[in-house]
Amino acid sequence: MNERLSEIEHDRDAQCFRAGVDGHEAQLEYDRVDGWMVITHTRVPDAISGRGVASRLTRRAFEAAREEGLQVRPMCSYAAGWAERHPEVRDLLQ
């Protein structure tokens, strides 16, 4: 696999995380509401799906929530499943 994942960018104004891979952009979108990061959508183009990009975006979102003192509500099915598989983030889901 010859992928080149760009650094994950956190655009606080647009409330999303972005990463480029091989000329395609993947995004994780969220809303910030009353001390919560509500993850609403994870979008990875078909051309780069199956490479772990969504997982890396989701991990970065949880890291940012922890850094900013936010709880996380994963409304997107991908993020919810990811959180279930990663017990280290359970404290952010309360």
C-alpha atoms as a PDB file:
ATOM      1  CA  MET A   1       0.000   0.000   0.000  1.00  0.00           C
ATOM      2  CA  ASN A   2       1.565   3.270  -1.118  1.00  0.00           C
ATOM      3  CA  GLU A   3      -0.674   5.770   0.652  1.00  0.00           C
ATOM      4  CA  ARG A   4       0.400   9.185   1.750  1.00  0.00           C
ATOM      5  CA  LEU A   5      -1.795  10.360   4.607  1.00  0.00           C
ATOM      6  CA  SER A   6      -1.472  14.065   5.178  1.00  0.00           C
ATOM      7  CA  GLU A   7      -1.435  15.446   8.677  1.00  0.00           C
ATOM      8  CA  ILE A   8      -4.933  15.495  10.134  1.00  0.00           C
ATOM      9  CA  GLU A   9      -6.220  19.061  10.189  1.00  0.00           C
ATOM     10  CA  HIS A  10      -8.711  20.183  12.841  1.00  0.00           C
ATOM     11  CA  ASP A  11     -10.832  23.003  11.434  1.00  0.00           C
ATOM     12  CA  ARG A  12     -12.629  24.297  14.531  1.00  0.00           C
ATOM     13  CA  ASP A  13     -14.622  26.897  12.601  1.00  0.00           C
ATOM     14  CA  ALA A  14     -16.037  24.264  10.221  1.00  0.00           C
ATOM     15  CA  GLN A  15     -16.240  21.706  13.077  1.00  0.00           C
ATOM     16  CA  CYS A  16     -14.449  18.951  11.218  1.00  0.00           C
ATOM     17  CA  PHE A  17     -11.242  16.983  10.915  1.00  0.00           C
ATOM     18  CA  ARG A  18      -9.726  16.489   7.462  1.00  0.00           C
ATOM     19  CA  ALA A  19      -7.007  14.278   6.029  1.00  0.00           C
ATOM     20  CA  GLY A  20      -5.813  13.881   2.494  1.00  0.00           C
ATOM     21  CA  VAL A  21      -4.696  10.558   1.066  1.00  0.00           C
ATOM     22  CA  ASP A  22      -3.384  10.156  -2.461  1.00  0.00           C
ATOM     23  CA  GLY A  23      -5.246  13.259  -3.660  1.00  0.00           C
ATOM     24  CA  HIS A  24      -8.562  12.443  -1.922  1.00  0.00           C
ATOM     25  CA  GLU A  25      -9.961  14.135   1.177  1.00  0.00           C
ATOM     26  CA  ALA A  26     -11.607  12.300   4.079  1.00  0.00           C
ATOM     27  CA  GLN A  27     -13.565  14.136   6.782  1.00  0.00           C
ATOM     28  CA  LEU A  28     -15.064  13.636  10.196  1.00  0.00           C
ATOM     29  CA  GLU A  29     -17.742  16.217  11.012  1.00  0.00           C
ATOM     30  CA  TYR A  30     -19.050  17.144  14.436  1.00  0.00           C
ATOM     31  CA  ASP A  31     -21.156  19.665  16.306  1.00  0.00           C
ATOM     32  CA  ARG A  32     -19.978  21.189  19.571  1.00  0.00           C
ATOM     33  CA  VAL A  33     -22.931  21.426  21.941  1.00  0.00           C
ATOM     34  CA  ASP A  34     -22.902  22.220  25.686  1.00  0.00           C
ATOM     35  CA  GLY A  35     -19.578  20.552  26.494  1.00  0.00           C
ATOM     36  CA  TRP A  36     -20.065  17.718  24.018  1.00  0.00           C
ATOM     37  CA  MET A  37     -18.419  16.856  20.715  1.00  0.00           C
ATOM     38  CA  VAL A  38     -21.268  15.233  18.785  1.00  0.00           C
ATOM     39  CA  ILE A  39     -19.731  13.279  15.896  1.00  0.00           C
ATOM     40  CA  THR A  40     -22.264  13.458  13.087  1.00  0.00           C
ATOM     41  CA  HIS A  41     -20.566  12.032  10.019  1.00  0.00           C
ATOM     42  CA  THR A  42     -17.427  10.305   8.822  1.00  0.00           C
ATOM     43  CA  ARG A  43     -16.834  10.531   5.086  1.00  0.00           C
ATOM     44  CA  VAL A  44     -14.094   8.591   3.283  1.00  0.00           C
ATOM     45  CA  PRO A  45     -14.114   8.471  -0.536  1.00  0.00           C
ATOM     46  CA  ASP A  46     -14.375   4.978  -2.032  1.00  0.00           C
ATOM     47  CA  ALA A  47     -10.962   5.394  -3.647  1.00  0.00           C
ATOM     48  CA  ILE A  48      -9.282   5.377  -0.215  1.00  0.00           C
ATOM     49  CA  SER A  49     -11.699   3.298   1.858  1.00  0.00           C
ATOM     50  CA  GLY A  50     -10.379   0.288   3.739  1.00  0.00           C
ATOM     51  CA  ARG A  51      -7.051   1.956   4.583  1.00  0.00           C
ATOM     52  CA  GLY A  52      -7.779   2.935   8.184  1.00  0.00           C
ATOM     53  CA  VAL A  53      -8.312   6.614   7.403  1.00  0.00           C
ATOM     54  CA  ALA A  54     -11.671   6.806   9.204  1.00  0.00           C
ATOM     55  CA  SER A  55     -10.099   5.169  12.244  1.00  0.00           C
ATOM     56  CA  ARG A  56      -7.294   7.724  12.332  1.00  0.00           C
ATOM     57  CA  LEU A  57      -9.752  10.618  11.968  1.00  0.00           C
ATOM     58  CA  THR A  58     -11.926   9.213  14.750  1.00  0.00           C
ATOM     59  CA  ARG A  59      -8.957   8.669  17.063  1.00  0.00           C
ATOM     60  CA  ARG A  60      -7.838  12.271  16.464  1.00  0.00           C
ATOM     61  CA  ALA A  61     -11.354  13.557  17.224  1.00  0.00           C
ATOM     62  CA  PHE A  62     -11.402  11.682  20.545  1.00  0.00           C
ATOM     63  CA  GLU A  63      -7.917  12.993  21.362  1.00  0.00           C
ATOM     64  CA  ALA A  64      -9.040  16.553  20.635  1.00  0.00           C
ATOM     65  CA  ALA A  65     -12.148  16.107  22.799  1.00  0.00           C
ATOM     66  CA  ARG A  66      -9.967  14.901  25.669  1.00  0.00           C
ATOM     67  CA  GLU A  67      -7.540  17.829  25.196  1.00  0.00           C
ATOM     68  CA  GLU A  68     -10.445  20.303  25.230  1.00  0.00           C
ATOM     69  CA  GLY A  69     -12.289  18.726  28.165  1.00  0.00           C
ATOM     70  CA  LEU A  70     -15.286  17.607  26.092  1.00  0.00           C
ATOM     71  CA  GLN A  71     -17.421  14.489  26.332  1.00  0.00           C
ATOM     72  CA  VAL A  72     -18.139  12.667  23.054  1.00  0.00           C
ATOM     73  CA  ARG A  73     -21.456  11.549  21.609  1.00  0.00           C
ATOM     74  CA  PRO A  74     -20.806   9.449  18.475  1.00  0.00           C
ATOM     75  CA  MET A  75     -24.020   9.746  16.442  1.00  0.00           C
ATOM     76  CA  CYS A  76     -22.318   8.446  13.301  1.00  0.00           C
ATOM     77  CA  SER A  77     -22.435   4.646  13.132  1.00  0.00           C
ATOM     78  CA  TYR A  78     -18.749   4.349  12.245  1.00  0.00           C
ATOM     79  CA  ALA A  79     -17.617   6.480  15.212  1.00  0.00           C
ATOM     80  CA  ALA A  80     -19.984   4.621  17.563  1.00  0.00           C
ATOM     81  CA  GLY A  81     -18.568   1.251  16.490  1.00  0.00           C
ATOM     82  CA  TRP A  82     -15.016   2.579  16.769  1.00  0.00           C
ATOM     83  CA  ALA A  83     -15.667   3.770  20.337  1.00  0.00           C
ATOM     84  CA  GLU A  84     -17.038   0.342  21.297  1.00  0.00           C
ATOM     85  CA  ARG A  85     -13.786  -1.279  20.111  1.00  0.00           C
ATOM     86  CA  HIS A  86     -11.565   1.198  22.015  1.00  0.00           C
ATOM     87  CA  PRO A  87     -12.070   0.954  25.797  1.00  0.00           C
ATOM     88  CA  GLU A  88      -9.495   3.713  26.357  1.00  0.00           C
ATOM     89  CA  VAL A  89     -12.119   6.300  25.305  1.00  0.00           C
ATOM     90  CA  ARG A  90     -15.060   5.031  27.366  1.00  0.00           C
ATOM     91  CA  ASP A  91     -14.591   7.773  29.964  1.00  0.00           C
ATOM     92  CA  LEU A  92     -15.401  10.334  27.247  1.00  0.00           C
ATOM     93  CA  LEU A  93     -18.775   8.723  26.481  1.00  0.00           C
ATOM     94  CA  GLN A  94     -20.439   9.265  29.874  1.00  0.00           C
END
